[in-house]
Amino acid sequence: MKLHAAVAIVMAMTGGAAAEGERTPMLGAALTYTDAPDRKAALVGGDVELALWSGRLGLAVEAAARRGITEDGVRNLALAGSARVLVADWLWPSLFEPRDVEVGLELHAIAERTWWSRDDSSDALGLGVAIRLRGGSDWEFSQLLAESRLFVHVMKSRDEASDVIARASGTMTEQPQRHGITVIVGLGAAFGAGTPNYLERSARRRSTGRVRAPDLAAPDARTYACTL
């Protein structure tokens, strides 16, 4: 119920006020690696998210699909809602572009529902941390806002595999244990539109930090004439 409420709030807010410096919500995707609580099964997959920020507070909806690395029969679909807080941010020189990028540290509180099959689902609560690198385009008239993200989610579920699924799977596929701690690591990117002032901030601060080189132009002929 809480997950459904969080999803509804985010969808309702997408047409409202955007975050400070953001004109639109941030739409992103990531590749994920998941380690099951029993440490006997690992899953890889993809994750898509829609995040809306208001100042340092944000709400996000995430959907993910995962499958086992060694066990082809182990797979799941997940839907999650999260509340986020930007706890720190600072400007850092870009390694590839003549501008600064914004480095941000986020904390997440997450509620997730996972479907292992049509009749089998489990709920989990957890916390997460994310590091983001955000910047704009070099094109003067572009309002593109792009960021790279690295995140870690630690989820705890008390749901065990149901008897129906256990009997259906038999000895062909061993279902991973769900009771305990699940760690999800993801690497991805997100895109949106930013306000001109927000996009120009890094370039403006970078330019103010530059020291202008002295003018080394040679003196003209009249100067030589005076000296002679």
Protein backbone atom coordinates (compact mmCIF):
# COMPACT_ATOMS: atom_id res chain seq x y z
CA MET A 1 0.00 0.00 0.00
CA LYS A 2 2.81 2.39 0.86
CA LEU A 3 4.55 1.57 -2.42
CA HIS A 4 1.40 2.31 -4.43
CA ALA A 5 0.98 5.63 -2.60
CA ALA A 6 4.57 6.66 -3.36
CA VAL A 7 4.11 5.82 -7.06
CA ALA A 8 0.90 7.86 -7.19
CA ILE A 9 2.54 10.88 -5.56
CA VAL A 10 5.45 10.91 -7.99
CA MET A 11 3.20 10.58 -11.03
CA ALA A 12 1.01 13.41 -9.78
CA MET A 13 3.99 15.69 -9.18
CA THR A 14 5.53 15.30 -12.64
CA GLY A 15 3.34 18.09 -13.97
CA GLY A 16 4.04 20.41 -11.04
CA ALA A 17 7.01 22.44 -9.98
CA ALA A 18 10.40 21.06 -10.97
CA ALA A 19 13.45 20.98 -8.78
CA GLU A 20 15.75 23.91 -8.31
CA GLY A 21 17.55 24.25 -11.64
CA GLU A 22 15.55 21.45 -13.31
CA ARG A 23 12.76 22.10 -15.78
CA THR A 24 11.70 18.45 -16.07
CA PRO A 25 11.99 15.22 -14.05
CA MET A 26 15.12 13.15 -14.60
CA LEU A 27 14.62 9.97 -16.64
CA GLY A 28 17.36 7.39 -16.21
CA ALA A 29 18.46 3.81 -16.79
CA ALA A 30 21.08 1.59 -15.19
CA LEU A 31 22.67 -1.84 -15.28
CA THR A 32 22.41 -3.65 -11.95
CA TYR A 33 24.02 -6.55 -10.09
CA THR A 34 22.11 -8.20 -7.26
CA ASP A 35 23.48 -10.58 -4.64
CA ALA A 36 20.83 -12.80 -3.03
CA PRO A 37 20.75 -13.17 0.78
CA ASP A 38 22.02 -16.76 0.67
CA ARG A 39 24.99 -15.66 -1.48
CA LYS A 40 24.29 -18.64 -3.75
CA ALA A 41 22.55 -16.74 -6.55
CA ALA A 42 23.51 -13.55 -8.35
CA LEU A 43 21.26 -11.67 -10.74
CA VAL A 44 22.00 -9.06 -13.39
CA GLY A 45 19.50 -6.82 -15.10
CA GLY A 46 18.32 -3.37 -16.00
CA ASP A 47 16.61 -0.58 -14.09
CA VAL A 48 14.67 2.47 -15.30
CA GLU A 49 13.64 5.36 -13.06
CA LEU A 50 11.80 8.65 -13.06
CA ALA A 51 13.01 11.09 -10.39
CA LEU A 52 11.57 14.46 -9.44
CA TRP A 53 13.56 16.86 -7.26
CA SER A 54 12.45 19.88 -5.28
CA GLY A 55 15.53 21.53 -3.84
CA ARG A 56 17.40 18.83 -1.92
CA LEU A 57 14.40 16.49 -1.61
CA GLY A 58 13.32 14.04 -4.27
CA LEU A 59 10.87 11.24 -5.05
CA ALA A 60 11.46 8.49 -7.58
CA VAL A 61 9.74 5.50 -9.16
CA GLU A 62 11.87 2.58 -10.35
CA ALA A 63 11.16 -0.55 -12.38
CA ALA A 64 13.65 -3.38 -12.79
CA ALA A 65 14.02 -6.74 -14.52
CA ARG A 66 16.64 -9.23 -13.31
CA ARG A 67 17.71 -12.77 -14.15
CA GLY A 68 20.18 -15.23 -12.72
CA ILE A 69 23.71 -15.40 -14.02
CA THR A 70 24.16 -19.16 -13.61
CA GLU A 71 20.52 -20.26 -13.13
CA ASP A 72 18.50 -19.31 -16.19
CA GLY A 73 15.22 -20.11 -14.42
CA VAL A 74 15.81 -17.53 -11.66
CA ARG A 75 14.36 -14.16 -12.66
CA ASN A 76 12.13 -11.43 -11.27
CA LEU A 77 10.46 -8.10 -11.94
CA ALA A 78 10.47 -5.31 -9.36
CA LEU A 79 8.71 -2.00 -8.79
CA ALA A 80 10.04 0.44 -6.18
CA GLY A 81 9.39 3.89 -4.80
CA SER A 82 12.02 5.93 -3.00
CA ALA A 83 12.44 9.18 -1.11
CA ARG A 84 15.79 10.88 -1.65
CA VAL A 85 17.87 13.55 0.06
CA LEU A 86 20.82 15.37 -1.50
CA VAL A 87 23.10 15.62 1.53
CA ALA A 88 26.12 17.21 -0.17
CA ASP A 89 27.10 18.69 -3.53
CA TRP A 90 30.13 20.52 -4.88
CA LEU A 91 31.75 21.50 -8.18
CA TRP A 92 34.62 19.46 -9.56
CA PRO A 93 36.72 20.01 -12.72
CA SER A 94 35.67 17.73 -15.57
CA LEU A 95 38.31 15.36 -16.93
CA PHE A 96 37.02 15.49 -20.51
CA GLU A 97 35.42 18.93 -20.96
CA PRO A 98 36.51 22.51 -20.23
CA ARG A 99 33.88 22.97 -17.51
CA ASP A 100 33.02 21.91 -14.00
CA VAL A 101 30.59 19.13 -13.11
CA GLU A 102 28.40 18.95 -10.05
CA VAL A 103 29.19 16.03 -7.73
CA GLY A 104 26.30 15.04 -5.49
CA LEU A 105 25.84 12.55 -2.65
CA GLU A 106 22.30 11.17 -2.18
CA LEU A 107 20.67 9.06 0.52
CA HIS A 108 17.64 6.91 -0.36
CA ALA A 109 14.82 5.29 1.62
CA ILE A 110 13.28 2.55 -0.54
CA ALA A 111 10.18 0.34 -0.60
CA GLU A 112 10.20 -2.43 -3.22
CA ARG A 113 7.86 -5.19 -4.37
CA THR A 114 9.37 -8.07 -6.33
CA TRP A 115 7.44 -10.57 -8.49
CA TRP A 116 9.14 -13.93 -8.93
CA SER A 117 6.14 -15.22 -10.87
CA ARG A 118 2.53 -14.21 -11.45
CA ASP A 119 1.43 -15.74 -8.13
CA ASP A 120 4.51 -15.10 -6.03
CA SER A 121 5.75 -11.73 -4.78
CA SER A 122 7.77 -10.35 -1.88
CA ASP A 123 8.16 -6.95 -0.24
CA ALA A 124 11.35 -5.33 1.00
CA LEU A 125 12.46 -2.12 2.67
CA GLY A 126 15.92 -0.66 2.51
CA LEU A 127 18.37 2.20 2.34
CA GLY A 128 20.65 3.36 -0.41
CA VAL A 129 23.42 5.76 -1.30
CA ALA A 130 24.22 7.25 -4.70
CA ILE A 131 27.01 9.37 -6.15
CA ARG A 132 26.09 11.45 -9.17
CA LEU A 133 28.09 13.54 -11.65
CA ARG A 134 25.87 16.13 -13.31
CA GLY A 135 26.57 18.65 -16.04
CA GLY A 136 25.20 20.36 -19.14
CA SER A 137 25.98 20.45 -22.83
CA ASP A 138 28.74 22.52 -24.43
CA TRP A 139 26.27 23.80 -27.01
CA GLU A 140 25.26 27.32 -26.03
CA PHE A 141 21.53 26.89 -26.72
CA SER A 142 21.13 23.37 -25.32
CA GLN A 143 19.14 22.83 -22.13
CA LEU A 144 20.17 19.19 -21.76
CA LEU A 145 21.00 18.12 -18.23
CA ALA A 146 22.88 14.81 -17.99
CA GLU A 147 24.26 12.85 -15.08
CA SER A 148 26.15 9.63 -14.43
CA ARG A 149 25.12 7.62 -11.37
CA LEU A 150 26.66 4.93 -9.18
CA PHE A 151 24.37 3.58 -6.46
CA VAL A 152 24.18 0.85 -3.83
CA HIS A 153 20.87 -0.32 -2.31
CA VAL A 154 20.69 -2.58 0.73
CA MET A 155 17.27 -4.22 1.02
CA LYS A 156 15.79 -6.45 3.73
CA SER A 157 12.89 -8.84 3.11
CA ARG A 158 11.15 -11.21 5.52
CA ASP A 159 9.28 -13.12 2.82
CA GLU A 160 10.24 -16.70 2.10
CA ALA A 161 9.55 -18.52 -1.15
CA SER A 162 5.96 -19.78 -1.19
CA ASP A 163 5.12 -23.49 -1.09
CA VAL A 164 3.42 -23.20 -4.48
CA ILE A 165 6.58 -21.95 -6.15
CA ALA A 166 8.73 -24.46 -4.32
CA ARG A 167 6.58 -27.37 -5.53
CA ALA A 168 6.38 -25.97 -9.06
CA SER A 169 10.13 -25.48 -9.35
CA GLY A 170 10.92 -28.91 -7.92
CA THR A 171 14.54 -29.87 -8.24
CA MET A 172 15.04 -28.24 -11.64
CA THR A 173 15.76 -24.70 -10.39
CA GLU A 174 16.74 -23.78 -6.87
CA GLN A 175 15.02 -20.57 -5.87
CA PRO A 176 17.26 -18.07 -4.03
CA GLN A 177 16.60 -17.42 -0.37
CA ARG A 178 14.72 -14.15 0.25
CA HIS A 179 14.91 -13.78 4.01
CA GLY A 180 17.82 -11.50 4.91
CA ILE A 181 19.85 -8.78 3.26
CA THR A 182 20.01 -8.20 -0.50
CA VAL A 183 22.63 -5.87 -1.99
CA ILE A 184 21.98 -4.15 -5.34
CA VAL A 185 24.75 -2.26 -7.14
CA GLY A 186 23.95 -0.16 -10.21
CA LEU A 187 25.72 2.05 -12.74
CA GLY A 188 23.73 4.25 -15.08
CA ALA A 189 22.81 7.64 -16.47
CA ALA A 190 19.88 10.07 -16.32
CA PHE A 191 18.75 12.93 -18.53
CA GLY A 192 16.45 15.92 -18.24
CA ALA A 193 16.16 19.61 -19.05
CA GLY A 194 17.72 22.32 -16.90
CA THR A 195 17.24 26.04 -16.50
CA PRO A 196 19.79 28.32 -18.21
CA ASN A 197 21.07 29.70 -14.89
CA TYR A 198 21.66 26.21 -13.51
CA LEU A 199 23.44 25.01 -16.66
CA GLU A 200 25.68 28.08 -16.83
CA ARG A 201 26.68 27.90 -13.17
CA SER A 202 29.59 25.53 -13.65
CA ALA A 203 30.91 27.39 -16.69
CA ARG A 204 30.63 30.75 -14.90
CA ARG A 205 32.47 29.52 -11.79
CA ARG A 206 35.11 27.84 -13.92
CA SER A 207 35.69 31.02 -15.91
CA THR A 208 36.01 33.18 -12.81
CA GLY A 209 38.75 30.88 -11.55
CA ARG A 210 40.88 31.28 -14.67
CA VAL A 211 43.80 33.68 -14.68
CA ARG A 212 44.00 35.66 -17.88
CA ALA A 213 47.31 35.35 -19.64
CA PRO A 214 49.25 38.60 -20.07
CA ASP A 215 49.21 40.27 -23.45
CA LEU A 216 52.57 39.48 -25.02
CA ALA A 217 51.96 41.25 -28.34
CA ALA A 218 55.06 42.90 -29.76
CA PRO A 219 55.25 46.72 -29.61
CA ASP A 220 54.48 48.54 -32.82
CA ALA A 221 56.98 50.41 -35.02
CA ARG A 222 56.34 53.78 -33.33
CA THR A 223 57.69 52.42 -30.07
CA TYR A 224 60.95 51.42 -31.74
CA ALA A 225 61.17 54.80 -33.41
CA CYS A 226 60.91 56.57 -30.06
CA THR A 227 63.58 54.44 -28.50
CA LEU A 228 65.97 55.10 -31.35
